[in-house]
Amino acid sequence: MRNSNSIALMIFTGVVLILGSCAIPDRKYSEELKHDIPVHQFTGDLDMYKSPSIETYGENANYNNNMGSRHPVAGTIPRGFMPYMYPNTNEGYMMAGDSLRNPYSNTPENLAKGADIYTKFCLHCHGTTGAGDGPVITNSNGKFPPPTSYID
């Protein structure tokens, strides 16, 4: 008897709590009770809602001159850029042609590897002879311009 009374009391309490937590559709709540936007910032001293950050190209109080962006160290090469030792002119082109040499010797192994690379990556546009008449160009009905001829 006592056990069934305890179970009935727990069920009744659970039902009351569940029904009591449901909102009445036409009931008007005050703005202070709405919880979708915090009314008070409880972490005001910790500044957790809007963290302090250094803005791009803004002032930075950590340095004496308040400069946020630093100049790169002398001699730094930008990412994705490789300096070229010859000027981008016709004279520089001729100078590079006169002074640069192929670092690979003319051996059958190197020639076979070069032929394999050409077959995989170049043949479809430049063709088997290097004249710029590969299958991509000949079957495109003029959609693609012919590439540089390697025969000249």
N, C-alpha and C. Protein backbone atom coordinates (compact mmCIF):
# COMPACT_ATOMS: atom_id res chain seq x y z
N MET A 1 0.83 -1.18 0.00
CA MET A 1 0.00 0.00 0.00
C MET A 1 0.87 1.25 0.00
N ARG A 2 1.87 1.21 0.85
CA ARG A 2 2.72 2.38 0.95
C ARG A 2 3.51 2.57 -0.33
N ASN A 3 3.95 1.51 -0.95
CA ASN A 3 4.72 1.58 -2.19
C ASN A 3 3.86 2.13 -3.33
N SER A 4 2.62 1.73 -3.43
CA SER A 4 1.75 2.23 -4.49
C SER A 4 1.41 3.70 -4.28
N ASN A 5 1.31 4.14 -3.00
CA ASN A 5 1.07 5.56 -2.73
C ASN A 5 2.28 6.40 -3.16
N SER A 6 3.48 5.89 -2.93
CA SER A 6 4.69 6.62 -3.33
C SER A 6 4.78 6.73 -4.85
N ILE A 7 4.44 5.67 -5.53
CA ILE A 7 4.48 5.69 -7.00
C ILE A 7 3.43 6.66 -7.53
N ALA A 8 2.24 6.63 -6.96
CA ALA A 8 1.18 7.54 -7.40
C ALA A 8 1.56 8.99 -7.14
N LEU A 9 2.19 9.25 -6.00
CA LEU A 9 2.62 10.61 -5.68
C LEU A 9 3.70 11.09 -6.66
N MET A 10 4.64 10.22 -7.02
CA MET A 10 5.68 10.59 -7.98
C MET A 10 5.09 10.85 -9.36
N ILE A 11 4.15 10.04 -9.78
CA ILE A 11 3.51 10.25 -11.09
C ILE A 11 2.74 11.56 -11.09
N PHE A 12 2.00 11.83 -10.02
CA PHE A 12 1.23 13.06 -9.92
C PHE A 12 2.16 14.28 -9.93
N THR A 13 3.26 14.20 -9.20
CA THR A 13 4.22 15.30 -9.16
C THR A 13 4.83 15.52 -10.54
N GLY A 14 5.17 14.46 -11.23
CA GLY A 14 5.73 14.57 -12.58
C GLY A 14 4.76 15.20 -13.55
N VAL A 15 3.49 14.79 -13.49
CA VAL A 15 2.47 15.36 -14.39
C VAL A 15 2.29 16.84 -14.10
N VAL A 16 2.24 17.21 -12.81
CA VAL A 16 2.07 18.62 -12.45
C VAL A 16 3.27 19.44 -12.94
N LEU A 17 4.47 18.93 -12.79
CA LEU A 17 5.65 19.66 -13.25
C LEU A 17 5.66 19.81 -14.77
N ILE A 18 5.31 18.76 -15.47
CA ILE A 18 5.29 18.83 -16.94
C ILE A 18 4.24 19.81 -17.41
N LEU A 19 3.03 19.70 -16.88
CA LEU A 19 1.96 20.61 -17.30
C LEU A 19 2.22 22.04 -16.83
N GLY A 20 2.84 22.19 -15.69
CA GLY A 20 3.14 23.52 -15.20
C GLY A 20 4.23 24.23 -16.00
N SER A 21 5.07 23.46 -16.67
CA SER A 21 6.13 24.08 -17.46
C SER A 21 5.67 24.45 -18.86
N CYS A 22 4.51 23.99 -19.26
CA CYS A 22 3.98 24.34 -20.58
C CYS A 22 3.46 25.77 -20.57
N ALA A 23 3.66 26.48 -21.66
CA ALA A 23 3.21 27.86 -21.75
C ALA A 23 1.78 27.90 -22.27
N ILE A 24 1.06 28.88 -21.82
CA ILE A 24 -0.29 29.10 -22.31
C ILE A 24 -0.15 29.95 -23.57
N PRO A 25 -0.75 29.56 -24.70
CA PRO A 25 -0.52 30.26 -25.96
C PRO A 25 -0.90 31.73 -25.95
N ASP A 26 -1.97 32.11 -25.28
CA ASP A 26 -2.39 33.50 -25.32
C ASP A 26 -1.85 34.32 -24.16
N ARG A 27 -0.98 33.74 -23.37
CA ARG A 27 -0.43 34.47 -22.24
C ARG A 27 0.66 35.41 -22.71
N LYS A 28 0.68 36.63 -22.23
CA LYS A 28 1.68 37.62 -22.60
C LYS A 28 2.79 37.63 -21.55
N TYR A 29 4.00 37.43 -22.02
CA TYR A 29 5.15 37.45 -21.12
C TYR A 29 5.81 38.81 -21.20
N SER A 30 6.39 39.22 -20.10
CA SER A 30 7.11 40.49 -20.12
C SER A 30 8.44 40.29 -20.86
N GLU A 31 8.99 41.38 -21.36
CA GLU A 31 10.23 41.32 -22.13
C GLU A 31 11.40 40.80 -21.31
N GLU A 32 11.35 41.01 -19.98
CA GLU A 32 12.45 40.55 -19.14
C GLU A 32 12.52 39.03 -19.05
N LEU A 33 11.39 38.35 -19.33
CA LEU A 33 11.37 36.89 -19.21
C LEU A 33 11.76 36.18 -20.49
N LYS A 34 11.89 36.90 -21.58
CA LYS A 34 12.29 36.26 -22.83
C LYS A 34 13.78 35.94 -22.77
N HIS A 35 14.14 34.75 -23.19
CA HIS A 35 15.52 34.30 -23.05
C HIS A 35 16.25 34.13 -24.37
N ASP A 36 15.66 34.58 -25.47
CA ASP A 36 16.36 34.41 -26.74
C ASP A 36 17.54 35.37 -26.88
N ILE A 37 17.47 36.51 -26.25
CA ILE A 37 18.57 37.47 -26.24
C ILE A 37 18.89 37.78 -24.79
N PRO A 38 20.15 37.65 -24.36
CA PRO A 38 20.45 37.95 -22.96
C PRO A 38 20.21 39.42 -22.65
N VAL A 39 19.48 39.66 -21.54
CA VAL A 39 19.18 41.03 -21.14
C VAL A 39 20.40 41.66 -20.50
N HIS A 40 21.08 40.90 -19.68
CA HIS A 40 22.26 41.40 -18.98
C HIS A 40 23.47 40.59 -19.41
N GLN A 41 24.57 41.27 -19.55
CA GLN A 41 25.81 40.57 -19.85
C GLN A 41 26.44 40.21 -18.51
N PHE A 42 26.34 38.94 -18.16
CA PHE A 42 26.81 38.49 -16.85
C PHE A 42 28.32 38.42 -16.78
N THR A 43 28.97 38.38 -17.92
CA THR A 43 30.43 38.27 -17.94
C THR A 43 31.05 39.58 -18.39
N GLY A 44 30.56 40.68 -17.86
CA GLY A 44 31.03 41.99 -18.29
C GLY A 44 32.51 42.20 -18.09
N ASP A 45 33.02 41.75 -16.96
CA ASP A 45 34.44 41.95 -16.68
C ASP A 45 35.31 41.01 -17.51
N LEU A 46 34.76 39.84 -17.84
CA LEU A 46 35.54 38.87 -18.60
C LEU A 46 35.53 39.15 -20.09
N ASP A 47 34.56 39.94 -20.56
CA ASP A 47 34.45 40.33 -21.96
C ASP A 47 34.42 39.11 -22.87
N MET A 48 33.52 38.17 -22.57
CA MET A 48 33.45 36.93 -23.33
C MET A 48 32.51 37.02 -24.53
N TYR A 49 31.56 37.93 -24.52
CA TYR A 49 30.64 38.03 -25.65
C TYR A 49 31.31 38.67 -26.85
N LYS A 50 32.07 39.69 -26.63
CA LYS A 50 32.80 40.35 -27.70
C LYS A 50 34.25 40.42 -27.28
N SER A 51 35.03 39.53 -27.83
CA SER A 51 36.41 39.44 -27.38
C SER A 51 37.24 40.58 -27.97
N PRO A 52 38.20 41.07 -27.21
CA PRO A 52 39.07 42.12 -27.75
C PRO A 52 40.05 41.50 -28.74
N SER A 53 40.10 42.04 -29.92
CA SER A 53 41.01 41.51 -30.92
C SER A 53 41.69 42.66 -31.64
N ILE A 54 42.82 42.37 -32.22
CA ILE A 54 43.55 43.38 -32.98
C ILE A 54 42.97 43.39 -34.38
N GLU A 55 42.49 44.52 -34.80
CA GLU A 55 41.91 44.64 -36.13
C GLU A 55 43.01 44.69 -37.18
N THR A 56 42.69 44.18 -38.35
CA THR A 56 43.65 44.19 -39.44
C THR A 56 43.99 45.62 -39.83
N TYR A 57 45.25 45.90 -39.97
CA TYR A 57 45.77 47.22 -40.32
C TYR A 57 45.34 48.30 -39.33
N GLY A 58 44.97 47.92 -38.13
CA GLY A 58 44.61 48.88 -37.10
C GLY A 58 45.79 49.15 -36.19
N GLU A 59 45.55 50.02 -35.21
CA GLU A 59 46.61 50.33 -34.26
C GLU A 59 46.77 49.19 -33.26
N ASN A 60 47.98 49.02 -32.79
CA ASN A 60 48.28 47.98 -31.82
C ASN A 60 49.04 48.63 -30.67
N ALA A 61 48.41 48.67 -29.51
CA ALA A 61 49.01 49.34 -28.35
C ALA A 61 50.18 48.56 -27.76
N ASN A 62 50.46 47.36 -28.25
CA ASN A 62 51.56 46.57 -27.73
C ASN A 62 52.92 47.08 -28.21
N TYR A 63 52.94 47.94 -29.21
CA TYR A 63 54.18 48.46 -29.75
C TYR A 63 54.28 49.96 -29.49
N ASN A 64 55.49 50.46 -29.44
CA ASN A 64 55.71 51.88 -29.13
C ASN A 64 55.09 52.81 -30.17
N ASN A 65 55.16 52.43 -31.45
CA ASN A 65 54.64 53.31 -32.50
C ASN A 65 53.19 52.97 -32.87
N ASN A 66 52.53 52.08 -32.12
CA ASN A 66 51.13 51.68 -32.34
C ASN A 66 50.88 51.10 -33.72
N MET A 67 51.90 50.63 -34.39
CA MET A 67 51.73 50.08 -35.73
C MET A 67 51.27 48.64 -35.64
N GLY A 68 50.14 48.31 -36.29
CA GLY A 68 49.62 46.95 -36.24
C GLY A 68 50.31 46.03 -37.22
N SER A 69 50.55 46.51 -38.43
CA SER A 69 51.20 45.69 -39.44
C SER A 69 52.70 45.92 -39.39
N ARG A 70 53.44 44.86 -39.44
CA ARG A 70 54.90 44.95 -39.41
C ARG A 70 55.45 44.84 -40.82
N HIS A 71 56.54 45.52 -41.07
CA HIS A 71 57.22 45.37 -42.35
C HIS A 71 57.96 44.04 -42.34
N PRO A 72 57.99 43.34 -43.48
CA PRO A 72 58.73 42.08 -43.51
C PRO A 72 60.23 42.32 -43.34
N VAL A 73 60.91 41.31 -42.87
CA VAL A 73 62.35 41.38 -42.69
C VAL A 73 63.00 41.53 -44.06
N ALA A 74 64.07 42.29 -44.12
CA ALA A 74 64.77 42.51 -45.39
C ALA A 74 65.21 41.17 -45.97
N GLY A 75 64.96 40.98 -47.26
CA GLY A 75 65.33 39.75 -47.94
C GLY A 75 64.23 38.70 -47.93
N THR A 76 63.08 39.01 -47.34
CA THR A 76 61.98 38.05 -47.28
C THR A 76 61.35 37.92 -48.66
N ILE A 77 61.09 36.70 -49.09
CA ILE A 77 60.44 36.44 -50.37
C ILE A 77 58.97 36.17 -50.09
N PRO A 78 58.05 36.90 -50.74
CA PRO A 78 56.62 36.66 -50.50
C PRO A 78 56.23 35.24 -50.88
N ARG A 79 55.22 34.72 -50.19
CA ARG A 79 54.72 33.37 -50.47
C ARG A 79 54.16 33.31 -51.89
N GLY A 80 54.51 32.27 -52.63
CA GLY A 80 54.02 32.10 -53.98
C GLY A 80 54.83 32.88 -55.02
N PHE A 81 55.91 33.51 -54.63
CA PHE A 81 56.72 34.30 -55.56
C PHE A 81 58.15 33.78 -55.52
N MET A 82 58.71 33.58 -56.67
CA MET A 82 60.10 33.17 -56.75
C MET A 82 60.83 34.18 -57.63
N PRO A 83 61.83 34.88 -57.11
CA PRO A 83 62.51 35.89 -57.93
C PRO A 83 63.24 35.26 -59.11
N TYR A 84 63.22 35.97 -60.21
CA TYR A 84 63.89 35.50 -61.43
C TYR A 84 65.14 36.33 -61.62
N MET A 85 66.24 35.69 -61.92
CA MET A 85 67.52 36.41 -61.96
C MET A 85 67.75 37.20 -63.24
N TYR A 86 66.84 37.10 -64.21
CA TYR A 86 66.98 37.83 -65.46
C TYR A 86 65.81 38.79 -65.61
N PRO A 87 66.05 39.98 -66.18
CA PRO A 87 64.93 40.92 -66.36
C PRO A 87 63.94 40.41 -67.40
N ASN A 88 62.70 40.85 -67.29
CA ASN A 88 61.65 40.41 -68.20
C ASN A 88 61.65 41.30 -69.45
N THR A 89 62.73 41.22 -70.18
CA THR A 89 62.89 41.97 -71.43
C THR A 89 63.47 41.03 -72.47
N ASN A 90 63.57 41.51 -73.72
CA ASN A 90 64.18 40.69 -74.77
C ASN A 90 65.65 40.42 -74.47
N GLU A 91 66.33 41.43 -73.92
CA GLU A 91 67.75 41.24 -73.57
C GLU A 91 67.90 40.19 -72.47
N GLY A 92 67.00 40.24 -71.47
CA GLY A 92 67.03 39.24 -70.41
C GLY A 92 66.72 37.85 -70.93
N TYR A 93 65.81 37.77 -71.90
CA TYR A 93 65.47 36.48 -72.52
C TYR A 93 66.68 35.90 -73.24
N MET A 94 67.37 36.73 -73.99
CA MET A 94 68.56 36.26 -74.71
C MET A 94 69.67 35.88 -73.74
N MET A 95 69.84 36.67 -72.68
CA MET A 95 70.87 36.37 -71.68
C MET A 95 70.57 35.03 -70.99
N ALA A 96 69.30 34.78 -70.67
CA ALA A 96 68.94 33.51 -70.04
C ALA A 96 69.19 32.35 -70.99
N GLY A 97 68.88 32.54 -72.28
CA GLY A 97 69.12 31.48 -73.26
C GLY A 97 70.59 31.16 -73.43
N ASP A 98 71.43 32.17 -73.28
CA ASP A 98 72.88 31.95 -73.44
C ASP A 98 73.50 31.31 -72.21
N SER A 99 73.00 31.64 -71.01
CA SER A 99 73.69 31.19 -69.80
C SER A 99 73.05 29.98 -69.13
N LEU A 100 71.77 29.74 -69.32
CA LEU A 100 71.12 28.60 -68.64
C LEU A 100 71.34 27.32 -69.42
N ARG A 101 71.62 26.26 -68.70
CA ARG A 101 71.84 24.95 -69.32
C ARG A 101 70.97 23.92 -68.61
N ASN A 102 70.62 22.87 -69.32
CA ASN A 102 69.82 21.78 -68.77
C ASN A 102 70.65 21.04 -67.72
N PRO A 103 70.14 20.90 -66.49
CA PRO A 103 70.92 20.22 -65.46
C PRO A 103 70.95 18.70 -65.64
N TYR A 104 70.12 18.16 -66.52
CA TYR A 104 70.08 16.72 -66.71
C TYR A 104 70.92 16.34 -67.93
N SER A 105 71.73 15.30 -67.76
CA SER A 105 72.57 14.86 -68.87
C SER A 105 71.72 14.08 -69.87
N ASN A 106 72.22 13.97 -71.08
CA ASN A 106 71.49 13.32 -72.17
C ASN A 106 71.74 11.81 -72.12
N THR A 107 71.09 11.14 -71.17
CA THR A 107 71.24 9.69 -71.01
C THR A 107 69.93 9.01 -71.43
N PRO A 108 69.99 7.73 -71.77
CA PRO A 108 68.75 7.03 -72.15
C PRO A 108 67.71 7.01 -71.03
N GLU A 109 68.15 6.94 -69.77
CA GLU A 109 67.19 6.93 -68.67
C GLU A 109 66.45 8.27 -68.58
N ASN A 110 67.20 9.38 -68.69
CA ASN A 110 66.57 10.70 -68.64
C ASN A 110 65.66 10.93 -69.83
N LEU A 111 66.07 10.46 -71.01
CA LEU A 111 65.22 10.60 -72.20
C LEU A 111 63.93 9.79 -72.05
N ALA A 112 64.02 8.59 -71.49
CA ALA A 112 62.82 7.77 -71.28
C ALA A 112 61.88 8.41 -70.27
N LYS A 113 62.43 8.97 -69.21
CA LYS A 113 61.60 9.64 -68.21
C LYS A 113 60.94 10.89 -68.81
N GLY A 114 61.69 11.65 -69.61
CA GLY A 114 61.13 12.82 -70.27
C GLY A 114 60.03 12.45 -71.25
N ALA A 115 60.22 11.35 -71.99
CA ALA A 115 59.19 10.89 -72.92
C ALA A 115 57.93 10.47 -72.17
N ASP A 116 58.11 9.83 -71.02
CA ASP A 116 56.95 9.42 -70.21
C ASP A 116 56.19 10.64 -69.69
N ILE A 117 56.91 11.65 -69.20
CA ILE A 117 56.26 12.87 -68.70
C ILE A 117 55.55 13.60 -69.84
N TYR A 118 56.20 13.68 -71.02
CA TYR A 118 55.58 14.34 -72.17
C TYR A 118 54.30 13.61 -72.58
N THR A 119 54.34 12.29 -72.57
CA THR A 119 53.16 11.50 -72.95
C THR A 119 52.01 11.73 -71.97
N LYS A 120 52.31 11.84 -70.69
CA LYS A 120 51.26 12.01 -69.68
C LYS A 120 50.67 13.41 -69.66
N PHE A 121 51.50 14.44 -69.83
CA PHE A 121 51.05 15.81 -69.57
C PHE A 121 51.01 16.72 -70.79
N CYS A 122 51.72 16.41 -71.86
CA CYS A 122 51.86 17.37 -72.97
C CYS A 122 51.26 16.88 -74.27
N LEU A 123 51.26 15.58 -74.48
CA LEU A 123 50.87 15.00 -75.76
C LEU A 123 49.46 15.38 -76.19
N HIS A 124 48.53 15.47 -75.27
CA HIS A 124 47.13 15.72 -75.64
C HIS A 124 46.93 17.08 -76.28
N CYS A 125 47.80 18.05 -76.03
CA CYS A 125 47.69 19.36 -76.70
C CYS A 125 48.76 19.55 -77.76
N HIS A 126 50.01 19.19 -77.45
CA HIS A 126 51.12 19.46 -78.36
C HIS A 126 51.29 18.39 -79.43
N GLY A 127 50.67 17.23 -79.28
CA GLY A 127 50.76 16.18 -80.29
C GLY A 127 52.01 15.34 -80.15
N THR A 128 52.07 14.28 -80.96
CA THR A 128 53.20 13.35 -80.87
C THR A 128 54.49 13.97 -81.39
N THR A 129 54.39 14.91 -82.32
CA THR A 129 55.60 15.51 -82.88
C THR A 129 55.95 16.84 -82.23
N GLY A 130 55.06 17.39 -81.40
CA GLY A 130 55.31 18.68 -80.76
C GLY A 130 54.88 19.86 -81.62
N ALA A 131 54.12 19.61 -82.68
CA ALA A 131 53.72 20.68 -83.60
C ALA A 131 52.48 21.43 -83.13
N GLY A 132 51.91 21.06 -81.99
CA GLY A 132 50.70 21.74 -81.50
C GLY A 132 49.44 21.20 -82.13
N ASP A 133 49.46 19.93 -82.56
CA ASP A 133 48.30 19.34 -83.22
C ASP A 133 47.80 18.10 -82.47
N GLY A 134 47.73 18.20 -81.15
CA GLY A 134 47.27 17.08 -80.34
C GLY A 134 45.77 16.86 -80.48
N PRO A 135 45.26 15.75 -79.95
CA PRO A 135 43.84 15.42 -80.09
C PRO A 135 42.89 16.46 -79.49
N VAL A 136 43.31 17.13 -78.43
CA VAL A 136 42.44 18.15 -77.84
C VAL A 136 42.24 19.29 -78.83
N ILE A 137 43.28 19.67 -79.55
CA ILE A 137 43.20 20.79 -80.48
C ILE A 137 42.48 20.38 -81.76
N THR A 138 42.80 19.23 -82.30
CA THR A 138 42.20 18.82 -83.58
C THR A 138 40.73 18.47 -83.44
N ASN A 139 40.29 18.00 -82.27
CA ASN A 139 38.88 17.62 -82.07
C ASN A 139 38.04 18.71 -81.44
N SER A 140 38.59 19.90 -81.24
CA SER A 140 37.84 20.95 -80.54
C SER A 140 37.07 21.87 -81.47
N ASN A 141 37.20 21.70 -82.79
CA ASN A 141 36.52 22.55 -83.78
C ASN A 141 36.82 24.03 -83.54
N GLY A 142 38.06 24.34 -83.25
CA GLY A 142 38.47 25.73 -83.08
C GLY A 142 38.15 26.32 -81.72
N LYS A 143 37.67 25.51 -80.78
CA LYS A 143 37.33 26.03 -79.45
C LYS A 143 38.58 26.45 -78.69
N PHE A 144 39.68 25.70 -78.88
CA PHE A 144 40.92 26.01 -78.17
C PHE A 144 41.98 26.47 -79.17
N PRO A 145 42.75 27.49 -78.84
CA PRO A 145 43.82 27.91 -79.75
C PRO A 145 44.96 26.90 -79.70
N PRO A 146 45.67 26.73 -80.80
CA PRO A 146 46.77 25.76 -80.78
C PRO A 146 47.90 26.24 -79.87
N PRO A 147 48.53 25.33 -79.14
CA PRO A 147 49.63 25.72 -78.26
C PRO A 147 50.90 25.97 -79.05
N THR A 148 51.92 26.36 -78.34
CA THR A 148 53.22 26.64 -78.94
C THR A 148 53.77 25.38 -79.60
N SER A 149 54.31 25.55 -80.78
CA SER A 149 54.93 24.44 -81.48
C SER A 149 56.34 24.25 -80.95
N TYR A 150 56.69 23.00 -80.64
CA TYR A 150 58.04 22.70 -80.15
C TYR A 150 59.00 22.38 -81.30
N ILE A 151 58.52 22.41 -82.54
CA ILE A 151 59.36 22.07 -83.68
C ILE A 151 60.24 23.25 -84.08
N ASP A 152 59.70 24.46 -83.97
CA ASP A 152 60.44 25.66 -84.40
C ASP A 152 61.72 25.84 -83.64
